[in-house]
PDB file of all heavy atoms in Angstrom:
ATOM      1  N   SER A   1      87.733  79.092  74.917  1.00  0.00           N
ATOM      2  CA  SER A   1      87.589  80.072  73.848  1.00  0.00           C
ATOM      3  C   SER A   1      86.887  81.310  74.410  1.00  0.00           C
ATOM      4  O   SER A   1      85.791  81.216  74.960  1.00  0.00           O
ATOM      5  CB  SER A   1      86.776  79.475  72.691  1.00  0.00           C
ATOM      6  OG  SER A   1      86.728  80.384  71.602  1.00  0.00           O
ATOM      7  N   ILE A   2      87.524  82.481  74.263  1.00  0.00           N
ATOM      8  CA  ILE A   2      87.003  83.733  74.814  1.00  0.00           C
ATOM      9  C   ILE A   2      86.800  84.721  73.670  1.00  0.00           C
ATOM     10  O   ILE A   2      87.719  84.982  72.874  1.00  0.00           O
ATOM     11  CB  ILE A   2      87.978  84.338  75.848  1.00  0.00           C
ATOM     12  CG1 ILE A   2      88.320  83.291  76.934  1.00  0.00           C
ATOM     13  CG2 ILE A   2      87.391  85.596  76.478  1.00  0.00           C
ATOM     14  CD1 ILE A   2      89.382  83.761  77.912  1.00  0.00           C
ATOM     15  N   ALA A   3      85.584  85.248  73.568  1.00  0.00           N
ATOM     16  CA  ALA A   3      85.289  86.224  72.522  1.00  0.00           C
ATOM     17  C   ALA A   3      86.137  87.477  72.728  1.00  0.00           C
ATOM     18  O   ALA A   3      86.382  87.904  73.860  1.00  0.00           O
ATOM     19  CB  ALA A   3      83.805  86.577  72.533  1.00  0.00           C
ATOM     20  N   ASP A   4      86.582  88.064  71.600  1.00  0.00           N
ATOM     21  CA  ASP A   4      87.456  89.226  71.701  1.00  0.00           C
ATOM     22  C   ASP A   4      86.796  90.405  72.399  1.00  0.00           C
ATOM     23  O   ASP A   4      87.472  91.205  73.063  1.00  0.00           O
ATOM     24  CB  ASP A   4      87.907  89.664  70.288  1.00  0.00           C
ATOM     25  CG  ASP A   4      89.225  89.023  69.912  1.00  0.00           C
ATOM     26  OD1 ASP A   4      89.626  88.076  70.613  1.00  0.00           O
ATOM     27  OD2 ASP A   4      89.842  89.445  68.925  1.00  0.00           O
ATOM     28  N   LYS A   5      85.478  90.523  72.275  1.00  0.00           N
ATOM     29  CA  LYS A   5      84.813  91.661  72.906  1.00  0.00           C
ATOM     30  C   LYS A   5      84.920  91.602  74.430  1.00  0.00           C
ATOM     31  O   LYS A   5      84.755  92.620  75.104  1.00  0.00           O
ATOM     32  CB  LYS A   5      83.343  91.717  72.491  1.00  0.00           C
ATOM     33  CG  LYS A   5      82.496  90.551  72.981  1.00  0.00           C
ATOM     34  CD  LYS A   5      81.068  90.706  72.494  1.00  0.00           C
ATOM     35  CE  LYS A   5      80.191  89.562  72.968  1.00  0.00           C
ATOM     36  NZ  LYS A   5      78.786  89.713  72.520  1.00  0.00           N
ATOM     37  N   LEU A   6      85.219  90.410  74.942  1.00  0.00           N
ATOM     38  CA  LEU A   6      85.409  90.277  76.389  1.00  0.00           C
ATOM     39  C   LEU A   6      86.827  90.635  76.801  1.00  0.00           C
ATOM     40  O   LEU A   6      87.082  90.971  77.957  1.00  0.00           O
ATOM     41  CB  LEU A   6      85.089  88.837  76.813  1.00  0.00           C
ATOM     42  CG  LEU A   6      85.002  88.547  78.309  1.00  0.00           C
ATOM     43  CD1 LEU A   6      83.863  89.331  78.943  1.00  0.00           C
ATOM     44  CD2 LEU A   6      84.786  87.052  78.541  1.00  0.00           C
ATOM     45  N   LEU A   7      87.765  90.578  75.838  1.00  0.00           N
ATOM     46  CA  LEU A   7      89.183  90.816  76.148  1.00  0.00           C
ATOM     47  C   LEU A   7      89.682  92.180  75.684  1.00  0.00           C
ATOM     48  O   LEU A   7      90.454  92.841  76.392  1.00  0.00           O
ATOM     49  CB  LEU A   7      90.045  89.720  75.502  1.00  0.00           C
ATOM     50  CG  LEU A   7      89.868  88.287  76.008  1.00  0.00           C
ATOM     51  CD1 LEU A   7      90.686  87.336  75.138  1.00  0.00           C
ATOM     52  CD2 LEU A   7      90.303  88.169  77.458  1.00  0.00           C
ATOM     53  N   PHE A   8      89.288  92.579  74.475  1.00  0.00           N
ATOM     54  CA  PHE A   8      89.860  93.775  73.864  1.00  0.00           C
ATOM     55  C   PHE A   8      88.772  94.691  73.291  1.00  0.00           C
ATOM     56  O   PHE A   8      87.693  94.227  72.893  1.00  0.00           O
ATOM     57  CB  PHE A   8      90.816  93.402  72.714  1.00  0.00           C
ATOM     58  CG  PHE A   8      91.827  92.359  73.056  1.00  0.00           C
ATOM     59  CD1 PHE A   8      91.650  91.026  72.660  1.00  0.00           C
ATOM     60  CD2 PHE A   8      92.963  92.685  73.770  1.00  0.00           C
ATOM     61  CE1 PHE A   8      92.588  90.065  72.966  1.00  0.00           C
ATOM     62  CE2 PHE A   8      93.905  91.714  74.075  1.00  0.00           C
ATOM     63  CZ  PHE A   8      93.722  90.402  73.680  1.00  0.00           C
ATOM     64  N   LYS A   9      89.104  95.946  73.184  1.00  0.00           N
ATOM     65  CA  LYS A   9      88.281  96.868  72.412  1.00  0.00           C
ATOM     66  C   LYS A   9      88.609  96.655  70.945  1.00  0.00           C
ATOM     67  O   LYS A   9      89.655  96.117  70.590  1.00  0.00           O
ATOM     68  CB  LYS A   9      88.580  98.307  72.826  1.00  0.00           C
ATOM     69  CG  LYS A   9      88.114  98.646  74.241  1.00  0.00           C
ATOM     70  CD  LYS A   9      88.430 100.102  74.578  1.00  0.00           C
ATOM     71  CE  LYS A   9      87.955 100.438  75.994  1.00  0.00           C
ATOM     72  NZ  LYS A   9      88.243 101.855  76.363  1.00  0.00           N
ATOM     73  N   SER A  10      87.725  97.098  70.048  1.00  0.00           N
ATOM     74  CA  SER A  10      87.918  96.896  68.617  1.00  0.00           C
ATOM     75  C   SER A  10      89.246  97.495  68.154  1.00  0.00           C
ATOM     76  O   SER A  10      89.546  98.667  68.419  1.00  0.00           O
ATOM     77  CB  SER A  10      86.765  97.551  67.847  1.00  0.00           C
ATOM     78  OG  SER A  10      86.955  97.389  66.461  1.00  0.00           O
ATOM     79  N   GLY A  11      90.032  96.657  67.473  1.00  0.00           N
ATOM     80  CA  GLY A  11      91.315  97.097  66.933  1.00  0.00           C
ATOM     81  C   GLY A  11      92.403  97.267  67.962  1.00  0.00           C
ATOM     82  O   GLY A  11      93.513  97.695  67.629  1.00  0.00           O
ATOM     83  N   SER A  12      92.138  96.923  69.247  1.00  0.00           N
ATOM     84  CA  SER A  12      93.130  97.107  70.302  1.00  0.00           C
ATOM     85  C   SER A  12      93.738  95.773  70.722  1.00  0.00           C
ATOM     86  O   SER A  12      93.153  94.713  70.510  1.00  0.00           O
ATOM     87  CB  SER A  12      92.474  97.775  71.516  1.00  0.00           C
ATOM     88  OG  SER A  12      93.370  97.819  72.622  1.00  0.00           O
ATOM     89  N   TYR A  13      94.924  95.828  71.296  1.00  0.00           N
ATOM     90  CA  TYR A  13      95.536  94.627  71.846  1.00  0.00           C
ATOM     91  C   TYR A  13      95.820  94.790  73.340  1.00  0.00           C
ATOM     92  O   TYR A  13      96.599  94.051  73.922  1.00  0.00           O
ATOM     93  CB  TYR A  13      96.824  94.274  71.085  1.00  0.00           C
ATOM     94  CG  TYR A  13      97.802  95.397  70.943  1.00  0.00           C
ATOM     95  CD1 TYR A  13      98.698  95.715  71.958  1.00  0.00           C
ATOM     96  CD2 TYR A  13      97.840  96.145  69.764  1.00  0.00           C
ATOM     97  CE1 TYR A  13      99.602  96.746  71.809  1.00  0.00           C
ATOM     98  CE2 TYR A  13      98.748  97.174  69.614  1.00  0.00           C
ATOM     99  CZ  TYR A  13      99.635  97.485  70.627  1.00  0.00           C
ATOM    100  OH  TYR A  13     100.540  98.512  70.477  1.00  0.00           O
ATOM    101  N   VAL A  14      95.142  95.762  73.963  1.00  0.00           N
ATOM    102  CA  VAL A  14      95.274  95.987  75.399  1.00  0.00           C
ATOM    103  C   VAL A  14      94.148  95.235  76.112  1.00  0.00           C
ATOM    104  O   VAL A  14      92.963  95.443  75.807  1.00  0.00           O
ATOM    105  CB  VAL A  14      95.196  97.485  75.737  1.00  0.00           C
ATOM    106  CG1 VAL A  14      95.284  97.682  77.251  1.00  0.00           C
ATOM    107  CG2 VAL A  14      96.302  98.251  75.027  1.00  0.00           C
ATOM    108  N   VAL A  15      94.506  94.352  77.042  1.00  0.00           N
ATOM    109  CA  VAL A  15      93.515  93.550  77.765  1.00  0.00           C
ATOM    110  C   VAL A  15      92.750  94.448  78.733  1.00  0.00           C
ATOM    111  O   VAL A  15      93.346  95.203  79.512  1.00  0.00           O
ATOM    112  CB  VAL A  15      94.202  92.400  78.532  1.00  0.00           C
ATOM    113  CG1 VAL A  15      93.169  91.597  79.312  1.00  0.00           C
ATOM    114  CG2 VAL A  15      94.969  91.523  77.569  1.00  0.00           C
ATOM    115  N   ASN A  16      91.397  94.372  78.699  1.00  0.00           N
ATOM    116  CA  ASN A  16      90.586  95.222  79.579  1.00  0.00           C
ATOM    117  C   ASN A  16      90.459  94.609  80.975  1.00  0.00           C
ATOM    118  O   ASN A  16      90.833  93.449  81.198  1.00  0.00           O
ATOM    119  CB  ASN A  16      89.210  95.499  78.955  1.00  0.00           C
ATOM    120  CG  ASN A  16      88.418  94.216  78.719  1.00  0.00           C
ATOM    121  OD1 ASN A  16      88.403  93.333  79.576  1.00  0.00           O
ATOM    122  ND2 ASN A  16      87.771  94.122  77.564  1.00  0.00           N
ATOM    123  N   GLU A  17      89.908  95.383  81.880  1.00  0.00           N
ATOM    124  CA  GLU A  17      89.832  94.965  83.276  1.00  0.00           C
ATOM    125  C   GLU A  17      88.904  93.777  83.481  1.00  0.00           C
ATOM    126  O   GLU A  17      89.162  92.900  84.303  1.00  0.00           O
ATOM    127  CB  GLU A  17      89.366  96.149  84.143  1.00  0.00           C
ATOM    128  CG  GLU A  17      90.384  97.265  84.262  1.00  0.00           C
ATOM    129  CD  GLU A  17      91.694  96.782  84.858  1.00  0.00           C
ATOM    130  OE1 GLU A  17      91.652  95.961  85.812  1.00  0.00           O
ATOM    131  OE2 GLU A  17      92.761  97.205  84.383  1.00  0.00           O
ATOM    132  N   ARG A  18      87.793  93.706  82.743  1.00  0.00           N
ATOM    133  CA  ARG A  18      86.861  92.589  82.899  1.00  0.00           C
ATOM    134  C   ARG A  18      87.544  91.278  82.517  1.00  0.00           C
ATOM    135  O   ARG A  18      87.343  90.245  83.144  1.00  0.00           O
ATOM    136  CB  ARG A  18      85.614  92.810  82.038  1.00  0.00           C
ATOM    137  CG  ARG A  18      84.569  91.708  82.228  1.00  0.00           C
ATOM    138  CD  ARG A  18      83.463  91.809  81.216  1.00  0.00           C
ATOM    139  NE  ARG A  18      82.571  90.652  81.297  1.00  0.00           N
ATOM    140  CZ  ARG A  18      81.694  90.327  80.362  1.00  0.00           C
ATOM    141  NH1 ARG A  18      81.589  91.066  79.267  1.00  0.00           N
ATOM    142  NH2 ARG A  18      80.918  89.268  80.503  1.00  0.00           N
ATOM    143  N   ALA A  19      88.378  91.336  81.470  1.00  0.00           N
ATOM    144  CA  ALA A  19      89.076  90.134  81.014  1.00  0.00           C
ATOM    145  C   ALA A  19      90.029  89.620  82.070  1.00  0.00           C
ATOM    146  O   ALA A  19      90.226  88.405  82.215  1.00  0.00           O
ATOM    147  CB  ALA A  19      89.810  90.406  79.716  1.00  0.00           C
ATOM    148  N   LYS A  20      90.652  90.532  82.815  1.00  0.00           N
ATOM    149  CA  LYS A  20      91.620  90.105  83.820  1.00  0.00           C
ATOM    150  C   LYS A  20      90.946  89.244  84.896  1.00  0.00           C
ATOM    151  O   LYS A  20      91.574  88.342  85.473  1.00  0.00           O
ATOM    152  CB  LYS A  20      92.284  91.325  84.441  1.00  0.00           C
ATOM    153  CG  LYS A  20      93.222  92.044  83.470  1.00  0.00           C
ATOM    154  CD  LYS A  20      93.875  93.255  84.106  1.00  0.00           C
ATOM    155  CE  LYS A  20      94.795  93.955  83.107  1.00  0.00           C
ATOM    156  NZ  LYS A  20      95.430  95.168  83.677  1.00  0.00           N
ATOM    157  N   GLU A  21      89.655  89.520  85.165  1.00  0.00           N
ATOM    158  CA  GLU A  21      88.929  88.705  86.140  1.00  0.00           C
ATOM    159  C   GLU A  21      88.790  87.274  85.638  1.00  0.00           C
ATOM    160  O   GLU A  21      89.019  86.316  86.375  1.00  0.00           O
ATOM    161  CB  GLU A  21      87.553  89.324  86.395  1.00  0.00           C
ATOM    162  CG  GLU A  21      86.709  88.529  87.388  1.00  0.00           C
ATOM    163  CD  GLU A  21      85.319  89.107  87.550  1.00  0.00           C
ATOM    164  OE1 GLU A  21      85.054  90.210  87.014  1.00  0.00           O
ATOM    165  OE2 GLU A  21      84.479  88.450  88.202  1.00  0.00           O
ATOM    166  N   VAL A  22      88.415  87.135  84.367  1.00  0.00           N
ATOM    167  CA  VAL A  22      88.279  85.796  83.768  1.00  0.00           C
ATOM    168  C   VAL A  22      89.638  85.105  83.703  1.00  0.00           C
ATOM    169  O   VAL A  22      89.773  83.926  84.054  1.00  0.00           O
ATOM    170  CB  VAL A  22      87.656  85.894  82.358  1.00  0.00           C
ATOM    171  CG1 VAL A  22      87.626  84.518  81.699  1.00  0.00           C
ATOM    172  CG2 VAL A  22      86.260  86.477  82.438  1.00  0.00           C
ATOM    173  N   LEU A  23      90.665  85.840  83.267  1.00  0.00           N
ATOM    174  CA  LEU A  23      92.002  85.258  83.152  1.00  0.00           C
ATOM    175  C   LEU A  23      92.554  84.864  84.520  1.00  0.00           C
ATOM    176  O   LEU A  23      93.327  83.908  84.635  1.00  0.00           O
ATOM    177  CB  LEU A  23      92.956  86.230  82.463  1.00  0.00           C
ATOM    178  CG  LEU A  23      92.651  86.518  80.987  1.00  0.00           C
ATOM    179  CD1 LEU A  23      93.595  87.590  80.439  1.00  0.00           C
ATOM    180  CD2 LEU A  23      92.752  85.243  80.154  1.00  0.00           C
ATOM    181  N   GLY A  24      92.136  85.573  85.564  1.00  0.00           N
ATOM    182  CA  GLY A  24      92.563  85.210  86.913  1.00  0.00           C
ATOM    183  C   GLY A  24      92.046  83.838  87.305  1.00  0.00           C
ATOM    184  O   GLY A  24      92.758  83.048  87.964  1.00  0.00           O
ATOM    185  N   LYS A  25      90.818  83.512  86.903  1.00  0.00           N
ATOM    186  CA  LYS A  25      90.260  82.191  87.196  1.00  0.00           C
ATOM    187  C   LYS A  25      90.985  81.102  86.397  1.00  0.00           C
ATOM    188  O   LYS A  25      91.235  80.005  86.898  1.00  0.00           O
ATOM    189  CB  LYS A  25      88.765  82.190  86.879  1.00  0.00           C
ATOM    190  CG  LYS A  25      87.965  83.125  87.781  1.00  0.00           C
ATOM    191  CD  LYS A  25      86.501  83.146  87.381  1.00  0.00           C
ATOM    192  CE  LYS A  25      85.691  84.083  88.292  1.00  0.00           C
ATOM    193  NZ  LYS A  25      84.272  84.109  87.931  1.00  0.00           N
ATOM    194  N   VAL A  26      91.304  81.418  85.141  1.00  0.00           N
ATOM    195  CA  VAL A  26      92.064  80.467  84.314  1.00  0.00           C
ATOM    196  C   VAL A  26      93.430  80.221  84.930  1.00  0.00           C
ATOM    197  O   VAL A  26      93.904  79.077  85.032  1.00  0.00           O
ATOM    198  CB  VAL A  26      92.204  80.995  82.877  1.00  0.00           C
ATOM    199  CG1 VAL A  26      93.138  80.087  82.067  1.00  0.00           C
ATOM    200  CG2 VAL A  26      90.847  81.095  82.204  1.00  0.00           C
ATOM    201  N   ALA A  27      94.089  81.297  85.384  1.00  0.00           N
ATOM    202  CA  ALA A  27      95.421  81.174  85.982  1.00  0.00           C
ATOM    203  C   ALA A  27      95.381  80.290  87.217  1.00  0.00           C
ATOM    204  O   ALA A  27      96.305  79.497  87.464  1.00  0.00           O
ATOM    205  CB  ALA A  27      95.958  82.561  86.330  1.00  0.00           C
ATOM    206  N   LYS A  28      94.328  80.408  87.995  1.00  0.00           N
ATOM    207  CA  LYS A  28      94.195  79.600  89.215  1.00  0.00           C
ATOM    208  C   LYS A  28      94.189  78.111  88.880  1.00  0.00           C
ATOM    209  O   LYS A  28      94.865  77.303  89.529  1.00  0.00           O
ATOM    210  CB  LYS A  28      92.915  79.989  89.945  1.00  0.00           C
ATOM    211  CG  LYS A  28      92.684  79.198  91.232  1.00  0.00           C
ATOM    212  CD  LYS A  28      91.385  79.652  91.901  1.00  0.00           C
ATOM    213  CE  LYS A  28      91.123  78.829  93.164  1.00  0.00           C
ATOM    214  NZ  LYS A  28      89.854  79.240  93.831  1.00  0.00           N
ATOM    215  N   VAL A  29      93.432  77.732  87.843  1.00  0.00           N
ATOM    216  CA  VAL A  29      93.352  76.320  87.450  1.00  0.00           C
ATOM    217  C   VAL A  29      94.682  75.859  86.860  1.00  0.00           C
ATOM    218  O   VAL A  29      95.178  74.774  87.170  1.00  0.00           O
ATOM    219  CB  VAL A  29      92.201  76.099  86.455  1.00  0.00           C
ATOM    220  CG1 VAL A  29      92.201  74.658  85.954  1.00  0.00           C
ATOM    221  CG2 VAL A  29      90.866  76.441  87.097  1.00  0.00           C
ATOM    222  N   VAL A  30      95.288  76.688  85.988  1.00  0.00           N
ATOM    223  CA  VAL A  30      96.559  76.318  85.356  1.00  0.00           C
ATOM    224  C   VAL A  30      97.647  76.128  86.409  1.00  0.00           C
ATOM    225  O   VAL A  30      98.447  75.189  86.342  1.00  0.00           O
ATOM    226  CB  VAL A  30      96.976  77.377  84.317  1.00  0.00           C
ATOM    227  CG1 VAL A  30      98.387  77.099  83.800  1.00  0.00           C
ATOM    228  CG2 VAL A  30      95.987  77.404  83.163  1.00  0.00           C
ATOM    229  N   ASN A  31      97.681  76.998  87.384  1.00  0.00           N
ATOM    230  CA  ASN A  31      98.700  76.885  88.434  1.00  0.00           C
ATOM    231  C   ASN A  31      98.530  75.626  89.278  1.00  0.00           C
ATOM    232  O   ASN A  31      99.488  75.150  89.891  1.00  0.00           O
ATOM    233  CB  ASN A  31      98.651  78.118  89.344  1.00  0.00           C
ATOM    234  CG  ASN A  31      99.249  79.334  88.673  1.00  0.00           C
ATOM    235  OD1 ASN A  31     100.118  79.204  87.816  1.00  0.00           O
ATOM    236  ND2 ASN A  31      98.776  80.517  89.052  1.00  0.00           N
ATOM    237  N   SER A  32      97.314  75.067  89.300  1.00  0.00           N
ATOM    238  CA  SER A  32      97.083  73.839  90.082  1.00  0.00           C
ATOM    239  C   SER A  32      97.530  72.595  89.334  1.00  0.00           C
ATOM    240  O   SER A  32      97.510  71.495  89.885  1.00  0.00           O
ATOM    241  CB  SER A  32      95.592  73.721  90.439  1.00  0.00           C
ATOM    242  OG  SER A  32      94.815  73.457  89.284  1.00  0.00           O
ATOM    243  N   LYS A  33      97.926  72.763  88.077  1.00  0.00           N
ATOM    244  CA  LYS A  33      98.357  71.630  87.248  1.00  0.00           C
ATOM    245  C   LYS A  33      99.790  71.869  86.779  1.00  0.00           C
ATOM    246  O   LYS A  33     100.025  72.385  85.674  1.00  0.00           O
ATOM    247  CB  LYS A  33      97.428  71.463  86.034  1.00  0.00           C
ATOM    248  CG  LYS A  33      95.957  71.321  86.387  1.00  0.00           C
ATOM    249  CD  LYS A  33      95.682  70.039  87.138  1.00  0.00           C
ATOM    250  CE  LYS A  33      94.184  69.924  87.476  1.00  0.00           C
ATOM    251  NZ  LYS A  33      93.893  68.734  88.287  1.00  0.00           N
ATOM    252  N   PRO A  34     100.778  71.536  87.611  1.00  0.00           N
ATOM    253  CA  PRO A  34     102.173  71.846  87.261  1.00  0.00           C
ATOM    254  C   PRO A  34     102.682  71.111  86.029  1.00  0.00           C
ATOM    255  O   PRO A  34     103.673  71.539  85.431  1.00  0.00           O
ATOM    256  CB  PRO A  34     102.951  71.418  88.513  1.00  0.00           C
ATOM    257  CG  PRO A  34     102.076  70.412  89.190  1.00  0.00           C
ATOM    258  CD  PRO A  34     100.669  70.859  88.917  1.00  0.00           C
ATOM    259  N   ASN A  35     102.047  70.023  85.622  1.00  0.00           N
ATOM    260  CA  ASN A  35     102.527  69.257  84.458  1.00  0.00           C
ATOM    261  C   ASN A  35     101.844  69.661  83.156  1.00  0.00           C
ATOM    262  O   ASN A  35     101.927  68.937  82.161  1.00  0.00           O
ATOM    263  CB  ASN A  35     102.319  67.761  84.688  1.00  0.00           C
ATOM    264  CG  ASN A  35     103.163  67.238  85.830  1.00  0.00           C
ATOM    265  OD1 ASN A  35     104.266  67.703  86.054  1.00  0.00           O
ATOM    266  ND2 ASN A  35     102.635  66.276  86.565  1.00  0.00           N
ATOM    267  N   PHE A  36     101.156  70.808  83.157  1.00  0.00           N
ATOM    268  CA  PHE A  36     100.456  71.257  81.960  1.00  0.00           C
ATOM    269  C   PHE A  36     101.044  72.578  81.469  1.00  0.00           C
ATOM    270  O   PHE A  36     101.563  73.378  82.253  1.00  0.00           O
ATOM    271  CB  PHE A  36      98.964  71.427  82.243  1.00  0.00           C
ATOM    272  CG  PHE A  36      98.219  70.126  82.267  1.00  0.00           C
ATOM    273  CD1 PHE A  36      98.351  69.242  83.329  1.00  0.00           C
ATOM    274  CD2 PHE A  36      97.398  69.766  81.208  1.00  0.00           C
ATOM    275  CE1 PHE A  36      97.670  68.038  83.346  1.00  0.00           C
ATOM    276  CE2 PHE A  36      96.715  68.563  81.215  1.00  0.00           C
ATOM    277  CZ  PHE A  36      96.852  67.693  82.279  1.00  0.00           C
ATOM    278  N   GLU A  37     100.942  72.781  80.156  1.00  0.00           N
ATOM    279  CA  GLU A  37     101.354  74.039  79.533  1.00  0.00           C
ATOM    280  C   GLU A  37     100.120  74.805  79.078  1.00  0.00           C
ATOM    281  O   GLU A  37      99.038  74.231  78.937  1.00  0.00           O
ATOM    282  CB  GLU A  37     102.281  73.775  78.342  1.00  0.00           C
ATOM    283  CG  GLU A  37     103.615  73.172  78.743  1.00  0.00           C
ATOM    284  CD  GLU A  37     104.510  72.906  77.553  1.00  0.00           C
ATOM    285  OE1 GLU A  37     103.979  72.507  76.497  1.00  0.00           O
ATOM    286  OE2 GLU A  37     105.727  73.070  77.695  1.00  0.00           O
ATOM    287  N   CYS A  38     100.314  76.089  78.811  1.00  0.00           N
ATOM    288  CA  CYS A  38      99.192  76.950  78.440  1.00  0.00           C
ATOM    289  C   CYS A  38      99.585  77.743  77.187  1.00  0.00           C
ATOM    290  O   CYS A  38     100.524  78.546  77.225  1.00  0.00           O
ATOM    291  CB  CYS A  38      98.860  77.890  79.604  1.00  0.00           C
ATOM    292  SG  CYS A  38      97.481  78.987  79.294  1.00  0.00           S
ATOM    293  N   MET A  39      98.868  77.498  76.092  1.00  0.00           N
ATOM    294  CA  MET A  39      99.142  78.217  74.846  1.00  0.00           C
ATOM    295  C   MET A  39      98.002  79.190  74.573  1.00  0.00           C
ATOM    296  O   MET A  39      96.832  78.796  74.530  1.00  0.00           O
ATOM    297  CB  MET A  39      99.292  77.253  73.667  1.00  0.00           C
ATOM    298  CG  MET A  39      99.595  77.968  72.355  1.00  0.00           C
ATOM    299  SD  MET A  39      99.979  76.826  71.001  1.00  0.00           S
ATOM    300  CE  MET A  39      98.372  76.073  70.732  1.00  0.00           C
ATOM    301  N   VAL A  40      98.360  80.450  74.376  1.00  0.00           N
ATOM    302  CA  VAL A  40      97.373  81.482  74.044  1.00  0.00           C
ATOM    303  C   VAL A  40      97.387  81.654  72.530  1.00  0.00           C
ATOM    304  O   VAL A  40      98.420  82.000  71.937  1.00  0.00           O
ATOM    305  CB  VAL A  40      97.694  82.805  74.748  1.00  0.00           C
ATOM    306  CG1 VAL A  40      96.672  83.862  74.355  1.00  0.00           C
ATOM    307  CG2 VAL A  40      97.713  82.610  76.257  1.00  0.00           C
TER     308      VAL A  40
END
């Protein structure tokens, strides 16, 4: 669970640069588990 203030500006749906760092770590773990799905 990621707070919106870490991902988006208020009222925006554009992912900010700080969020991409966190999402990069999530992607690394997800890619290591080929039998798992990822729902946002």
